[in-house]
Amino acid sequence: MEAYQHVVGGMRDLAHKMHGTQAGDPSKAARAIELALAADTGFRSALIQSPWSAHAEQLLKDLAAWEKVASDTQIGLQQFRALSY
């Protein structure tokens, strides 16, 4: 719609320019999607190799580094019951 051109126009142009130029095999991508759906694990993955693996590794390191701080924010069951209405 013309009224939304200023909002979505740039993204539409980008999508049109990218169409058919993406790396990878569409048939293999479709098979990977079918396998993921059949597994029904809820796992989400980008169908690319990099840089997501490095990002995921860093995320795991960050989570491990902050695990103690995050777990210290939890309250015990007795404290929770005392806060209940």
Foldseek 3Di string as FASTA:
>chain_A
DVVCCVPCVVVVVVVVVCPPVDDDDPVVVVVVVVVVVVVPPPDDDDPDDPDVVVVVVVVVVVCVVCVVVVVVVDDDPVVVVVPDD
